[in-house]
Amino acid sequence: MKYEIKPSSIEGLGVFALTELKKNEFICPYLGEEMTWTEFKNRYGNYKDNCLNTYPMRRIWRIIVAKEEPYKSDNVVNYINEGDTANVVLKNKSLYTLRSIEVGEELLLNYPKDYKRNWIV
């Protein structure tokens, strides 16, 4: 196991490195149900109001959704907080490191600009 989920000083739970991670290292896939944007809208409504736990793939007009079980709990990416300086990135339906990450360091993403953040209470 490369990571653990535990309380974060940033927000709620976070994902922390259990081993040293190298730059461009694969961490995990983004788990969820892949669907079209139309299917997403029919099931959940407007994306901007329901973007939590999703991975939009705009270039191919599909989206991966991790809003329901088992994906909601099993998707490690759902627990990654946003930070001032991201050290991981989502690409090709998976999570990769942007730089070397030390043991105990929290994994952080830069969320898309259109990601609605007002769900945080």
PDB file of N, CA and C in Angstrom:
ATOM      1  N   MET A   1       0.848  -1.180   0.000  1.00  0.00           N
ATOM      2  CA  MET A   1       0.000   0.000   0.000  1.00  0.00           C
ATOM      3  C   MET A   1       0.895   1.245   0.000  1.00  0.00           C
ATOM      4  N   LYS A   2       0.578   2.189  -0.874  1.00  0.00           N
ATOM      5  CA  LYS A   2       1.383   3.396  -1.020  1.00  0.00           C
ATOM      6  C   LYS A   2       0.862   4.559  -0.180  1.00  0.00           C
ATOM      7  N   TYR A   3      -0.355   4.437   0.341  1.00  0.00           N
ATOM      8  CA  TYR A   3      -0.991   5.574   1.003  1.00  0.00           C
ATOM      9  C   TYR A   3      -1.935   5.098   2.105  1.00  0.00           C
ATOM     10  N   GLU A   4      -2.340   6.046   2.945  1.00  0.00           N
ATOM     11  CA  GLU A   4      -3.367   5.776   3.948  1.00  0.00           C
ATOM     12  C   GLU A   4      -4.282   6.985   4.025  1.00  0.00           C
ATOM     13  N   ILE A   5      -5.517   6.740   4.414  1.00  0.00           N
ATOM     14  CA  ILE A   5      -6.504   7.801   4.598  1.00  0.00           C
ATOM     15  C   ILE A   5      -6.612   8.057   6.093  1.00  0.00           C
ATOM     16  N   LYS A   6      -6.427   9.329   6.478  1.00  0.00           N
ATOM     17  CA  LYS A   6      -6.489   9.680   7.899  1.00  0.00           C
ATOM     18  C   LYS A   6      -6.872  11.160   8.019  1.00  0.00           C
ATOM     19  N   PRO A   7      -7.162  11.633   9.248  1.00  0.00           N
ATOM     20  CA  PRO A   7      -7.535  13.046   9.425  1.00  0.00           C
ATOM     21  C   PRO A   7      -6.470  13.999   8.863  1.00  0.00           C
ATOM     22  N   SER A   8      -6.955  15.071   8.254  1.00  0.00           N
ATOM     23  CA  SER A   8      -6.093  16.075   7.635  1.00  0.00           C
ATOM     24  C   SER A   8      -6.265  17.419   8.328  1.00  0.00           C
ATOM     25  N   SER A   9      -5.199  18.179   8.417  1.00  0.00           N
ATOM     26  CA  SER A   9      -5.297  19.532   8.984  1.00  0.00           C
ATOM     27  C   SER A   9      -5.919  20.503   7.977  1.00  0.00           C
ATOM     28  N   ILE A  10      -6.041  20.079   6.730  1.00  0.00           N
ATOM     29  CA  ILE A  10      -6.632  20.938   5.690  1.00  0.00           C
ATOM     30  C   ILE A  10      -8.153  20.873   5.739  1.00  0.00           C
ATOM     31  N   GLU A  11      -8.709  19.646   5.667  1.00  0.00           N
ATOM     32  CA  GLU A  11     -10.157  19.461   5.651  1.00  0.00           C
ATOM     33  C   GLU A  11     -10.487  17.993   5.852  1.00  0.00           C
ATOM     34  N   GLY A  12     -11.251  17.654   6.867  1.00  0.00           N
ATOM     35  CA  GLY A  12     -11.744  16.295   7.066  1.00  0.00           C
ATOM     36  C   GLY A  12     -10.658  15.241   6.989  1.00  0.00           C
ATOM     37  N   LEU A  13     -10.844  14.298   6.055  1.00  0.00           N
ATOM     38  CA  LEU A  13      -9.861  13.247   5.837  1.00  0.00           C
ATOM     39  C   LEU A  13      -8.981  13.601   4.649  1.00  0.00           C
ATOM     40  N   GLY A  14      -7.776  13.059   4.637  1.00  0.00           N
ATOM     41  CA  GLY A  14      -6.849  13.258   3.531  1.00  0.00           C
ATOM     42  C   GLY A  14      -6.116  11.971   3.229  1.00  0.00           C
ATOM     43  N   VAL A  15      -5.324  11.988   2.172  1.00  0.00           N
ATOM     44  CA  VAL A  15      -4.548  10.830   1.756  1.00  0.00           C
ATOM     45  C   VAL A  15      -3.065  11.151   1.972  1.00  0.00           C
ATOM     46  N   PHE A  16      -2.359  10.261   2.659  1.00  0.00           N
ATOM     47  CA  PHE A  16      -0.969  10.491   3.037  1.00  0.00           C
ATOM     48  C   PHE A  16      -0.086   9.351   2.534  1.00  0.00           C
ATOM     49  N   ALA A  17       1.114   9.695   2.096  1.00  0.00           N
ATOM     50  CA  ALA A  17       2.062   8.708   1.575  1.00  0.00           C
ATOM     51  C   ALA A  17       2.585   7.818   2.701  1.00  0.00           C
ATOM     52  N   LEU A  18       2.554   6.513   2.477  1.00  0.00           N
ATOM     53  CA  LEU A  18       3.140   5.546   3.418  1.00  0.00           C
ATOM     54  C   LEU A  18       4.554   5.162   3.012  1.00  0.00           C
ATOM     55  N   THR A  19       4.874   5.411   1.750  1.00  0.00           N
ATOM     56  CA  THR A  19       6.211   5.143   1.228  1.00  0.00           C
ATOM     57  C   THR A  19       6.653   6.377   0.443  1.00  0.00           C
ATOM     58  N   GLU A  20       7.925   6.467   0.165  1.00  0.00           N
ATOM     59  CA  GLU A  20       8.402   7.558  -0.684  1.00  0.00           C
ATOM     60  C   GLU A  20       7.893   7.304  -2.098  1.00  0.00           C
ATOM     61  N   LEU A  21       7.324   8.328  -2.705  1.00  0.00           N
ATOM     62  CA  LEU A  21       6.780   8.212  -4.057  1.00  0.00           C
ATOM     63  C   LEU A  21       7.650   9.016  -5.016  1.00  0.00           C
ATOM     64  N   LYS A  22       7.946   8.432  -6.161  1.00  0.00           N
ATOM     65  CA  LYS A  22       8.785   9.110  -7.152  1.00  0.00           C
ATOM     66  C   LYS A  22       7.938   9.967  -8.087  1.00  0.00           C
ATOM     67  N   LYS A  23       8.561  10.923  -8.747  1.00  0.00           N
ATOM     68  CA  LYS A  23       7.890  11.776  -9.723  1.00  0.00           C
ATOM     69  C   LYS A  23       7.286  10.909 -10.836  1.00  0.00           C
ATOM     70  N   ASN A  24       6.051  11.240 -11.235  1.00  0.00           N
ATOM     71  CA  ASN A  24       5.305  10.541 -12.294  1.00  0.00           C
ATOM     72  C   ASN A  24       4.915   9.112 -11.921  1.00  0.00           C
ATOM     73  N   GLU A  25       4.905   8.808 -10.627  1.00  0.00           N
ATOM     74  CA  GLU A  25       4.539   7.460 -10.186  1.00  0.00           C
ATOM     75  C   GLU A  25       3.016   7.297 -10.171  1.00  0.00           C
ATOM     76  N   PHE A  26       2.551   6.151 -10.684  1.00  0.00           N
ATOM     77  CA  PHE A  26       1.129   5.793 -10.637  1.00  0.00           C
ATOM     78  C   PHE A  26       0.752   5.525  -9.189  1.00  0.00           C
ATOM     79  N   ILE A  27      -0.370   6.108  -8.752  1.00  0.00           N
ATOM     80  CA  ILE A  27      -0.833   5.872  -7.381  1.00  0.00           C
ATOM     81  C   ILE A  27      -2.043   4.957  -7.378  1.00  0.00           C
ATOM     82  N   CYS A  28      -3.077   5.311  -8.151  1.00  0.00           N
ATOM     83  CA  CYS A  28      -4.294   4.501  -8.181  1.00  0.00           C
ATOM     84  C   CYS A  28      -5.178   4.935  -9.347  1.00  0.00           C
ATOM     85  N   PRO A  29      -6.108   4.066  -9.759  1.00  0.00           N
ATOM     86  CA  PRO A  29      -7.067   4.469 -10.790  1.00  0.00           C
ATOM     87  C   PRO A  29      -8.177   5.315 -10.162  1.00  0.00           C
ATOM     88  N   TYR A  30      -8.869   6.074 -10.987  1.00  0.00           N
ATOM     89  CA  TYR A  30     -10.066   6.790 -10.531  1.00  0.00           C
ATOM     90  C   TYR A  30     -11.232   5.835 -10.717  1.00  0.00           C
ATOM     91  N   LEU A  31     -11.771   5.337  -9.612  1.00  0.00           N
ATOM     92  CA  LEU A  31     -12.861   4.362  -9.653  1.00  0.00           C
ATOM     93  C   LEU A  31     -14.198   5.067  -9.763  1.00  0.00           C
ATOM     94  N   GLY A  32     -15.075   4.543 -10.594  1.00  0.00           N
ATOM     95  CA  GLY A  32     -16.402   5.111 -10.721  1.00  0.00           C
ATOM     96  C   GLY A  32     -17.119   4.548 -11.924  1.00  0.00           C
ATOM     97  N   GLU A  33     -18.338   4.998 -12.092  1.00  0.00           N
ATOM     98  CA  GLU A  33     -19.157   4.591 -13.222  1.00  0.00           C
ATOM     99  C   GLU A  33     -18.941   5.577 -14.362  1.00  0.00           C
ATOM    100  N   GLU A  34     -18.495   5.092 -15.504  1.00  0.00           N
ATOM    101  CA  GLU A  34     -18.288   5.977 -16.653  1.00  0.00           C
ATOM    102  C   GLU A  34     -19.612   6.140 -17.392  1.00  0.00           C
ATOM    103  N   MET A  35     -19.926   7.388 -17.744  1.00  0.00           N
ATOM    104  CA  MET A  35     -21.180   7.677 -18.440  1.00  0.00           C
ATOM    105  C   MET A  35     -21.009   8.889 -19.345  1.00  0.00           C
ATOM    106  N   THR A  36     -22.001   9.118 -20.176  1.00  0.00           N
ATOM    107  CA  THR A  36     -22.001  10.311 -21.024  1.00  0.00           C
ATOM    108  C   THR A  36     -22.476  11.498 -20.193  1.00  0.00           C
ATOM    109  N   TRP A  37     -22.247  12.709 -20.716  1.00  0.00           N
ATOM    110  CA  TRP A  37     -22.718  13.912 -20.028  1.00  0.00           C
ATOM    111  C   TRP A  37     -24.239  13.917 -19.951  1.00  0.00           C
ATOM    112  N   THR A  38     -24.908  13.414 -20.973  1.00  0.00           N
ATOM    113  CA  THR A  38     -26.377  13.363 -20.973  1.00  0.00           C
ATOM    114  C   THR A  38     -26.864  12.436 -19.871  1.00  0.00           C
ATOM    115  N   GLU A  39     -26.234  11.265 -19.728  1.00  0.00           N
ATOM    116  CA  GLU A  39     -26.609  10.339 -18.655  1.00  0.00           C
ATOM    117  C   GLU A  39     -26.392  10.987 -17.290  1.00  0.00           C
ATOM    118  N   PHE A  40     -25.260  11.701 -17.135  1.00  0.00           N
ATOM    119  CA  PHE A  40     -24.997  12.390 -15.868  1.00  0.00           C
ATOM    120  C   PHE A  40     -26.095  13.401 -15.566  1.00  0.00           C
ATOM    121  N   LYS A  41     -26.427  14.243 -16.544  1.00  0.00           N
ATOM    122  CA  LYS A  41     -27.443  15.280 -16.344  1.00  0.00           C
ATOM    123  C   LYS A  41     -28.805  14.671 -16.014  1.00  0.00           C
ATOM    124  N   ASN A  42     -29.162  13.580 -16.681  1.00  0.00           N
ATOM    125  CA  ASN A  42     -30.448  12.926 -16.404  1.00  0.00           C
ATOM    126  C   ASN A  42     -30.506  12.347 -14.993  1.00  0.00           C
ATOM    127  N   ARG A  43     -29.387  11.865 -14.490  1.00  0.00           N
ATOM    128  CA  ARG A  43     -29.360  11.247 -13.164  1.00  0.00           C
ATOM    129  C   ARG A  43     -29.126  12.248 -12.040  1.00  0.00           C
ATOM    130  N   TYR A  44     -28.206  13.213 -12.250  1.00  0.00           N
ATOM    131  CA  TYR A  44     -27.780  14.094 -11.155  1.00  0.00           C
ATOM    132  C   TYR A  44     -28.119  15.565 -11.354  1.00  0.00           C
ATOM    133  N   GLY A  45     -28.459  15.986 -12.564  1.00  0.00           N
ATOM    134  CA  GLY A  45     -28.747  17.398 -12.817  1.00  0.00           C
ATOM    135  C   GLY A  45     -27.518  18.138 -13.321  1.00  0.00           C
ATOM    136  N   ASN A  46     -27.523  19.429 -13.136  1.00  0.00           N
ATOM    137  CA  ASN A  46     -26.467  20.321 -13.605  1.00  0.00           C
ATOM    138  C   ASN A  46     -25.111  19.941 -13.012  1.00  0.00           C
ATOM    139  N   TYR A  47     -24.076  19.884 -13.864  1.00  0.00           N
ATOM    140  CA  TYR A  47     -22.741  19.506 -13.395  1.00  0.00           C
ATOM    141  C   TYR A  47     -22.185  20.483 -12.373  1.00  0.00           C
ATOM    142  N   LYS A  48     -22.328  21.776 -12.619  1.00  0.00           N
ATOM    143  CA  LYS A  48     -21.742  22.763 -11.702  1.00  0.00           C
ATOM    144  C   LYS A  48     -22.307  22.649 -10.295  1.00  0.00           C
ATOM    145  N   ASP A  49     -23.529  22.167 -10.153  1.00  0.00           N
ATOM    146  CA  ASP A  49     -24.140  21.997  -8.833  1.00  0.00           C
ATOM    147  C   ASP A  49     -23.907  20.599  -8.257  1.00  0.00           C
ATOM    148  N   ASN A  50     -23.396  19.684  -9.064  1.00  0.00           N
ATOM    149  CA  ASN A  50     -23.254  18.285  -8.640  1.00  0.00           C
ATOM    150  C   ASN A  50     -21.904  17.691  -9.017  1.00  0.00           C
ATOM    151  N   CYS A  51     -20.854  18.499  -8.997  1.00  0.00           N
ATOM    152  CA  CYS A  51     -19.548  18.030  -9.484  1.00  0.00           C
ATOM    153  C   CYS A  51     -18.740  17.259  -8.445  1.00  0.00           C
ATOM    154  N   LEU A  52     -19.142  17.265  -7.197  1.00  0.00           N
ATOM    155  CA  LEU A  52     -18.416  16.524  -6.170  1.00  0.00           C
ATOM    156  C   LEU A  52     -18.344  15.042  -6.536  1.00  0.00           C
ATOM    157  N   ASN A  53     -17.162  14.445  -6.380  1.00  0.00           N
ATOM    158  CA  ASN A  53     -16.929  13.022  -6.649  1.00  0.00           C
ATOM    159  C   ASN A  53     -17.102  12.662  -8.123  1.00  0.00           C
ATOM    160  N   THR A  54     -16.595  13.541  -9.004  1.00  0.00           N
ATOM    161  CA  THR A  54     -16.638  13.252 -10.433  1.00  0.00           C
ATOM    162  C   THR A  54     -15.281  13.533 -11.068  1.00  0.00           C
ATOM    163  N   TYR A  55     -15.047  12.930 -12.205  1.00  0.00           N
ATOM    164  CA  TYR A  55     -13.835  13.148 -12.991  1.00  0.00           C
ATOM    165  C   TYR A  55     -14.271  13.400 -14.431  1.00  0.00           C
ATOM    166  N   PRO A  56     -14.418  14.677 -14.819  1.00  0.00           N
ATOM    167  CA  PRO A  56     -14.865  14.980 -16.182  1.00  0.00           C
ATOM    168  C   PRO A  56     -13.758  14.733 -17.202  1.00  0.00           C
ATOM    169  N   MET A  57     -14.120  14.125 -18.308  1.00  0.00           N
ATOM    170  CA  MET A  57     -13.193  13.910 -19.413  1.00  0.00           C
ATOM    171  C   MET A  57     -13.764  14.667 -20.609  1.00  0.00           C
ATOM    172  N   ARG A  58     -13.572  15.961 -20.613  1.00  0.00           N
ATOM    173  CA  ARG A  58     -14.224  16.832 -21.589  1.00  0.00           C
ATOM    174  C   ARG A  58     -13.803  16.551 -23.025  1.00  0.00           C
ATOM    175  N   ARG A  59     -12.577  16.129 -23.224  1.00  0.00           N
ATOM    176  CA  ARG A  59     -12.108  15.890 -24.599  1.00  0.00           C
ATOM    177  C   ARG A  59     -12.867  14.770 -25.286  1.00  0.00           C
ATOM    178  N   ILE A  60     -13.341  13.791 -24.519  1.00  0.00           N
ATOM    179  CA  ILE A  60     -14.091  12.690 -25.121  1.00  0.00           C
ATOM    180  C   ILE A  60     -15.564  12.712 -24.706  1.00  0.00           C
ATOM    181  N   TRP A  61     -15.995  13.769 -24.045  1.00  0.00           N
ATOM    182  CA  TRP A  61     -17.396  13.981 -23.658  1.00  0.00           C
ATOM    183  C   TRP A  61     -17.949  12.847 -22.810  1.00  0.00           C
ATOM    184  N   ARG A  62     -17.134  12.410 -21.863  1.00  0.00           N
ATOM    185  CA  ARG A  62     -17.578  11.404 -20.905  1.00  0.00           C
ATOM    186  C   ARG A  62     -17.200  11.878 -19.512  1.00  0.00           C
ATOM    187  N   ILE A  63     -17.759  11.220 -18.514  1.00  0.00           N
ATOM    188  CA  ILE A  63     -17.483  11.584 -17.128  1.00  0.00           C
ATOM    189  C   ILE A  63     -17.451  10.307 -16.292  1.00  0.00           C
ATOM    190  N   ILE A  64     -16.562  10.255 -15.310  1.00  0.00           N
ATOM    191  CA  ILE A  64     -16.551   9.136 -14.366  1.00  0.00           C
ATOM    192  C   ILE A  64     -17.137   9.659 -13.064  1.00  0.00           C
ATOM    193  N   VAL A  65     -18.115   8.939 -12.550  1.00  0.00           N
ATOM    194  CA  VAL A  65     -18.851   9.376 -11.366  1.00  0.00           C
ATOM    195  C   VAL A  65     -18.630   8.399 -10.219  1.00  0.00           C
ATOM    196  N   ALA A  66     -18.264   8.958  -9.058  1.00  0.00           N
ATOM    197  CA  ALA A  66     -18.034   8.138  -7.860  1.00  0.00           C
ATOM    198  C   ALA A  66     -18.922   8.628  -6.724  1.00  0.00           C
ATOM    199  N   LYS A  67     -20.203   8.875  -7.026  1.00  0.00           N
ATOM    200  CA  LYS A  67     -21.139   9.411  -6.046  1.00  0.00           C
ATOM    201  C   LYS A  67     -21.851   8.328  -5.245  1.00  0.00           C
ATOM    202  N   GLU A  68     -21.901   7.118  -5.782  1.00  0.00           N
ATOM    203  CA  GLU A  68     -22.648   6.049  -5.144  1.00  0.00           C
ATOM    204  C   GLU A  68     -21.718   4.901  -4.785  1.00  0.00           C
ATOM    205  N   GLU A  69     -22.146   4.081  -3.834  1.00  0.00           N
ATOM    206  CA  GLU A  69     -21.342   2.931  -3.416  1.00  0.00           C
ATOM    207  C   GLU A  69     -21.330   1.888  -4.526  1.00  0.00           C
ATOM    208  N   PRO A  70     -20.265   1.132  -4.694  1.00  0.00           N
ATOM    209  CA  PRO A  70     -19.096   1.099  -3.819  1.00  0.00           C
ATOM    210  C   PRO A  70     -18.063   2.176  -4.136  1.00  0.00           C
ATOM    211  N   TYR A  71     -18.259   2.912  -5.225  1.00  0.00           N
ATOM    212  CA  TYR A  71     -17.238   3.862  -5.666  1.00  0.00           C
ATOM    213  C   TYR A  71     -17.016   5.013  -4.696  1.00  0.00           C
ATOM    214  N   LYS A  72     -18.062   5.488  -4.054  1.00  0.00           N
ATOM    215  CA  LYS A  72     -17.927   6.653  -3.164  1.00  0.00           C
ATOM    216  C   LYS A  72     -16.913   6.395  -2.060  1.00  0.00           C
ATOM    217  N   SER A  73     -16.946   5.225  -1.445  1.00  0.00           N
ATOM    218  CA  SER A  73     -16.014   4.896  -0.365  1.00  0.00           C
ATOM    219  C   SER A  73     -14.685   4.361  -0.879  1.00  0.00           C
ATOM    220  N   ASP A  74     -14.721   3.602  -1.970  1.00  0.00           N
ATOM    221  CA  ASP A  74     -13.524   2.931  -2.469  1.00  0.00           C
ATOM    222  C   ASP A  74     -12.610   3.838  -3.287  1.00  0.00           C
ATOM    223  N   ASN A  75     -13.118   4.953  -3.780  1.00  0.00           N
ATOM    224  CA  ASN A  75     -12.320   5.829  -4.629  1.00  0.00           C
ATOM    225  C   ASN A  75     -11.425   6.713  -3.768  1.00  0.00           C
ATOM    226  N   VAL A  76     -10.146   6.403  -3.717  1.00  0.00           N
ATOM    227  CA  VAL A  76      -9.176   7.136  -2.904  1.00  0.00           C
ATOM    228  C   VAL A  76      -9.172   8.620  -3.263  1.00  0.00           C
ATOM    229  N   VAL A  77      -9.362   8.932  -4.536  1.00  0.00           N
ATOM    230  CA  VAL A  77      -9.320  10.328  -4.993  1.00  0.00           C
ATOM    231  C   VAL A  77     -10.380  11.169  -4.290  1.00  0.00           C
ATOM    232  N   ASN A  78     -11.488  10.579  -3.876  1.00  0.00           N
ATOM    233  CA  ASN A  78     -12.524  11.323  -3.154  1.00  0.00           C
ATOM    234  C   ASN A  78     -12.007  11.917  -1.844  1.00  0.00           C
ATOM    235  N   TYR A  79     -10.909  11.403  -1.327  1.00  0.00           N
ATOM    236  CA  TYR A  79     -10.365  11.861  -0.052  1.00  0.00           C
ATOM    237  C   TYR A  79      -9.180  12.829  -0.202  1.00  0.00           C
ATOM    238  N   ILE A  80      -8.799  13.137  -1.436  1.00  0.00           N
ATOM    239  CA  ILE A  80      -7.651  14.018  -1.638  1.00  0.00           C
ATOM    240  C   ILE A  80      -8.087  15.473  -1.565  1.00  0.00           C
ATOM    241  N   ASN A  81      -7.423  16.219  -0.703  1.00  0.00           N
ATOM    242  CA  ASN A  81      -7.739  17.636  -0.514  1.00  0.00           C
ATOM    243  C   ASN A  81      -7.038  18.495  -1.559  1.00  0.00           C
ATOM    244  N   GLU A  82      -7.536  19.729  -1.674  1.00  0.00           N
ATOM    245  CA  GLU A  82      -6.883  20.715  -2.527  1.00  0.00           C
ATOM    246  C   GLU A  82      -5.885  21.484  -1.684  1.00  0.00           C
ATOM    247  N   GLY A  83      -4.730  21.778  -2.257  1.00  0.00           N
ATOM    248  CA  GLY A  83      -3.718  22.525  -1.539  1.00  0.00           C
ATOM    249  C   GLY A  83      -3.160  23.654  -2.379  1.00  0.00           C
ATOM    250  N   ASP A  84      -2.357  24.499  -1.743  1.00  0.00           N
ATOM    251  CA  ASP A  84      -1.741  25.613  -2.460  1.00  0.00           C
ATOM    252  C   ASP A  84      -0.851  25.120  -3.590  1.00  0.00           C
ATOM    253  N   THR A  85      -0.161  24.026  -3.346  1.00  0.00           N
ATOM    254  CA  THR A  85       0.729  23.459  -4.354  1.00  0.00           C
ATOM    255  C   THR A  85       0.407  21.977  -4.517  1.00  0.00           C
ATOM    256  N   ALA A  86      -0.179  21.625  -5.652  1.00  0.00           N
ATOM    257  CA  ALA A  86      -0.531  20.229  -5.907  1.00  0.00           C
ATOM    258  C   ALA A  86       0.729  19.383  -6.065  1.00  0.00           C
ATOM    259  N   ASN A  87       0.650  18.141  -5.574  1.00  0.00           N
ATOM    260  CA  ASN A  87       1.754  17.210  -5.766  1.00  0.00           C
ATOM    261  C   ASN A  87       1.303  15.952  -6.513  1.00  0.00           C
ATOM    262  N   VAL A  88       0.000  15.894  -6.855  1.00  0.00           N
ATOM    263  CA  VAL A  88      -0.551  14.809  -7.663  1.00  0.00           C
ATOM    264  C   VAL A  88      -1.465  15.398  -8.729  1.00  0.00           C
ATOM    265  N   VAL A  89      -1.734  14.597  -9.767  1.00  0.00           N
ATOM    266  CA  VAL A  89      -2.575  15.044 -10.876  1.00  0.00           C
ATOM    267  C   VAL A  89      -3.403  13.864 -11.380  1.00  0.00           C
ATOM    268  N   LEU A  90      -4.608  14.156 -11.862  1.00  0.00           N
ATOM    269  CA  LEU A  90      -5.431  13.146 -12.509  1.00  0.00           C
ATOM    270  C   LEU A  90      -5.174  13.210 -14.009  1.00  0.00           C
ATOM    271  N   LYS A  91      -4.813  12.066 -14.589  1.00  0.00           N
ATOM    272  CA  LYS A  91      -4.669  11.988 -16.041  1.00  0.00           C
ATOM    273  C   LYS A  91      -4.901  10.546 -16.466  1.00  0.00           C
ATOM    274  N   ASN A  92      -5.494  10.386 -17.615  1.00  0.00           N
ATOM    275  CA  ASN A  92      -5.766   9.044 -18.156  1.00  0.00           C
ATOM    276  C   ASN A  92      -6.513   8.166 -17.157  1.00  0.00           C
ATOM    277  N   LYS A  93      -7.500   8.754 -16.478  1.00  0.00           N
ATOM    278  CA  LYS A  93      -8.357   8.028 -15.524  1.00  0.00           C
ATOM    279  C   LYS A  93      -7.601   7.486 -14.315  1.00  0.00           C
ATOM    280  N   SER A  94      -6.452   8.092 -13.991  1.00  0.00           N
ATOM    281  CA  SER A  94      -5.647   7.632 -12.862  1.00  0.00           C
ATOM    282  C   SER A  94      -4.973   8.795 -12.160  1.00  0.00           C
ATOM    283  N   LEU A  95      -4.468   8.534 -10.959  1.00  0.00           N
ATOM    284  CA  LEU A  95      -3.763   9.525 -10.165  1.00  0.00           C
ATOM    285  C   LEU A  95      -2.267   9.259 -10.227  1.00  0.00           C
ATOM    286  N   TYR A  96      -1.490  10.324 -10.525  1.00  0.00           N
ATOM    287  CA  TYR A  96      -0.033  10.236 -10.627  1.00  0.00           C
ATOM    288  C   TYR A  96       0.606  11.351  -9.805  1.00  0.00           C
ATOM    289  N   THR A  97       1.841  11.137  -9.386  1.00  0.00           N
ATOM    290  CA  THR A  97       2.573  12.179  -8.671  1.00  0.00           C
ATOM    291  C   THR A  97       3.136  13.195  -9.667  1.00  0.00           C
ATOM    292  N   LEU A  98       3.202  14.446  -9.244  1.00  0.00           N
ATOM    293  CA  LEU A  98       3.815  15.512 -10.046  1.00  0.00           C
ATOM    294  C   LEU A  98       5.286  15.694  -9.704  1.00  0.00           C
ATOM    295  N   ARG A  99       5.650  15.229  -8.503  1.00  0.00           N
ATOM    296  CA  ARG A  99       7.026  15.353  -8.009  1.00  0.00           C
ATOM    297  C   ARG A  99       7.241  14.254  -6.983  1.00  0.00           C
ATOM    298  N   SER A 100       8.435  14.143  -6.474  1.00  0.00           N
ATOM    299  CA  SER A 100       8.697  13.175  -5.400  1.00  0.00           C
ATOM    300  C   SER A 100       7.914  13.589  -4.161  1.00  0.00           C
ATOM    301  N   ILE A 101       7.377  12.600  -3.459  1.00  0.00           N
ATOM    302  CA  ILE A 101       6.585  12.843  -2.249  1.00  0.00           C
ATOM    303  C   ILE A 101       7.181  12.018  -1.119  1.00  0.00           C
ATOM    304  N   GLU A 102       7.401  12.663   0.023  1.00  0.00           N
ATOM    305  CA  GLU A 102       8.026  12.003   1.167  1.00  0.00           C
ATOM    306  C   GLU A 102       6.998  11.224   1.994  1.00  0.00           C
ATOM    307  N   VAL A 103       7.477  10.265   2.755  1.00  0.00           N
ATOM    308  CA  VAL A 103       6.629   9.503   3.668  1.00  0.00           C
ATOM    309  C   VAL A 103       5.930  10.474   4.626  1.00  0.00           C
ATOM    310  N   GLY A 104       4.628  10.310   4.796  1.00  0.00           N
ATOM    311  CA  GLY A 104       3.851  11.152   5.702  1.00  0.00           C
ATOM    312  C   GLY A 104       3.302  12.411   5.074  1.00  0.00           C
ATOM    313  N   GLU A 105       3.725  12.748   3.863  1.00  0.00           N
ATOM    314  CA  GLU A 105       3.251  13.961   3.192  1.00  0.00           C
ATOM    315  C   GLU A 105       1.844  13.733   2.637  1.00  0.00           C
ATOM    316  N   GLU A 106       0.993  14.754   2.757  1.00  0.00           N
ATOM    317  CA  GLU A 106      -0.371  14.653   2.237  1.00  0.00           C
ATOM    318  C   GLU A 106      -0.380  14.854   0.728  1.00  0.00           C
ATOM    319  N   LEU A 107      -1.152  14.029   0.026  1.00  0.00           N
ATOM    320  CA  LEU A 107      -1.321  14.166  -1.409  1.00  0.00           C
ATOM    321  C   LEU A 107      -2.350  15.260  -1.665  1.00  0.00           C
ATOM    322  N   LEU A 108      -2.031  16.197  -2.567  1.00  0.00           N
ATOM    323  CA  LEU A 108      -2.889  17.354  -2.833  1.00  0.00           C
ATOM    324  C   LEU A 108      -3.108  17.544  -4.323  1.00  0.00           C
ATOM    325  N   LEU A 109      -4.346  17.900  -4.674  1.00  0.00           N
ATOM    326  CA  LEU A 109      -4.737  18.173  -6.052  1.00  0.00           C
ATOM    327  C   LEU A 109      -5.048  19.649  -6.240  1.00  0.00           C
ATOM    328  N   ASN A 110      -4.956  20.138  -7.457  1.00  0.00           N
ATOM    329  CA  ASN A 110      -5.546  21.416  -7.840  1.00  0.00           C
ATOM    330  C   ASN A 110      -6.871  21.077  -8.496  1.00  0.00           C
ATOM    331  N   TYR A 111      -7.968  21.521  -7.921  1.00  0.00           N
ATOM    332  CA  TYR A 111      -9.278  21.234  -8.489  1.00  0.00           C
ATOM    333  C   TYR A 111      -9.532  22.120  -9.693  1.00  0.00           C
ATOM    334  N   PRO A 112     -10.340  21.659 -10.661  1.00  0.00           N
ATOM    335  CA  PRO A 112     -10.662  22.490 -11.822  1.00  0.00           C
ATOM    336  C   PRO A 112     -11.323  23.799 -11.393  1.00  0.00           C
ATOM    337  N   LYS A 113     -11.154  24.822 -12.192  1.00  0.00           N
ATOM    338  CA  LYS A 113     -11.702  26.149 -11.871  1.00  0.00           C
ATOM    339  C   LYS A 113     -13.221  26.133 -11.731  1.00  0.00           C
ATOM    340  N   ASP A 114     -13.901  25.263 -12.498  1.00  0.00           N
ATOM    341  CA  ASP A 114     -15.367  25.228 -12.437  1.00  0.00           C
ATOM    342  C   ASP A 114     -15.901  24.289 -11.354  1.00  0.00           C
ATOM    343  N   TYR A 115     -15.006  23.731 -10.545  1.00  0.00           N
ATOM    344  CA  TYR A 115     -15.416  22.832  -9.473  1.00  0.00           C
ATOM    345  C   TYR A 115     -16.067  23.642  -8.364  1.00  0.00           C
ATOM    346  N   LYS A 116     -17.298  23.329  -8.046  1.00  0.00           N
ATOM    347  CA  LYS A 116     -18.043  24.095  -7.051  1.00  0.00           C
ATOM    348  C   LYS A 116     -17.575  23.722  -5.650  1.00  0.00           C
ATOM    349  N   ARG A 117     -17.020  24.680  -4.939  1.00  0.00           N
ATOM    350  CA  ARG A 117     -16.448  24.413  -3.624  1.00  0.00           C
ATOM    351  C   ARG A 117     -17.388  24.734  -2.471  1.00  0.00           C
ATOM    352  N   ASN A 118     -18.568  25.254  -2.740  1.00  0.00           N
ATOM    353  CA  ASN A 118     -19.422  25.667  -1.622  1.00  0.00           C
ATOM    354  C   ASN A 118     -20.087  24.491  -0.911  1.00  0.00           C
ATOM    355  N   TRP A 119     -19.789  23.250  -1.293  1.00  0.00           N
ATOM    356  CA  TRP A 119     -20.315  22.095  -0.585  1.00  0.00           C
ATOM    357  C   TRP A 119     -19.583  21.878   0.722  1.00  0.00           C
ATOM    358  N   ILE A 120     -18.412  22.510   0.871  1.00  0.00           N
ATOM    359  CA  ILE A 120     -17.650  22.350   2.118  1.00  0.00           C
ATOM    360  C   ILE A 120     -18.324  23.160   3.217  1.00  0.00           C
ATOM    361  N   VAL A 121     -18.642  22.483   4.303  1.00  0.00           N
ATOM    362  CA  VAL A 121     -19.337  23.152   5.428  1.00  0.00           C
ATOM    363  C   VAL A 121     -18.369  23.360   6.555  1.00  0.00           C
TER     364      VAL A 121
END
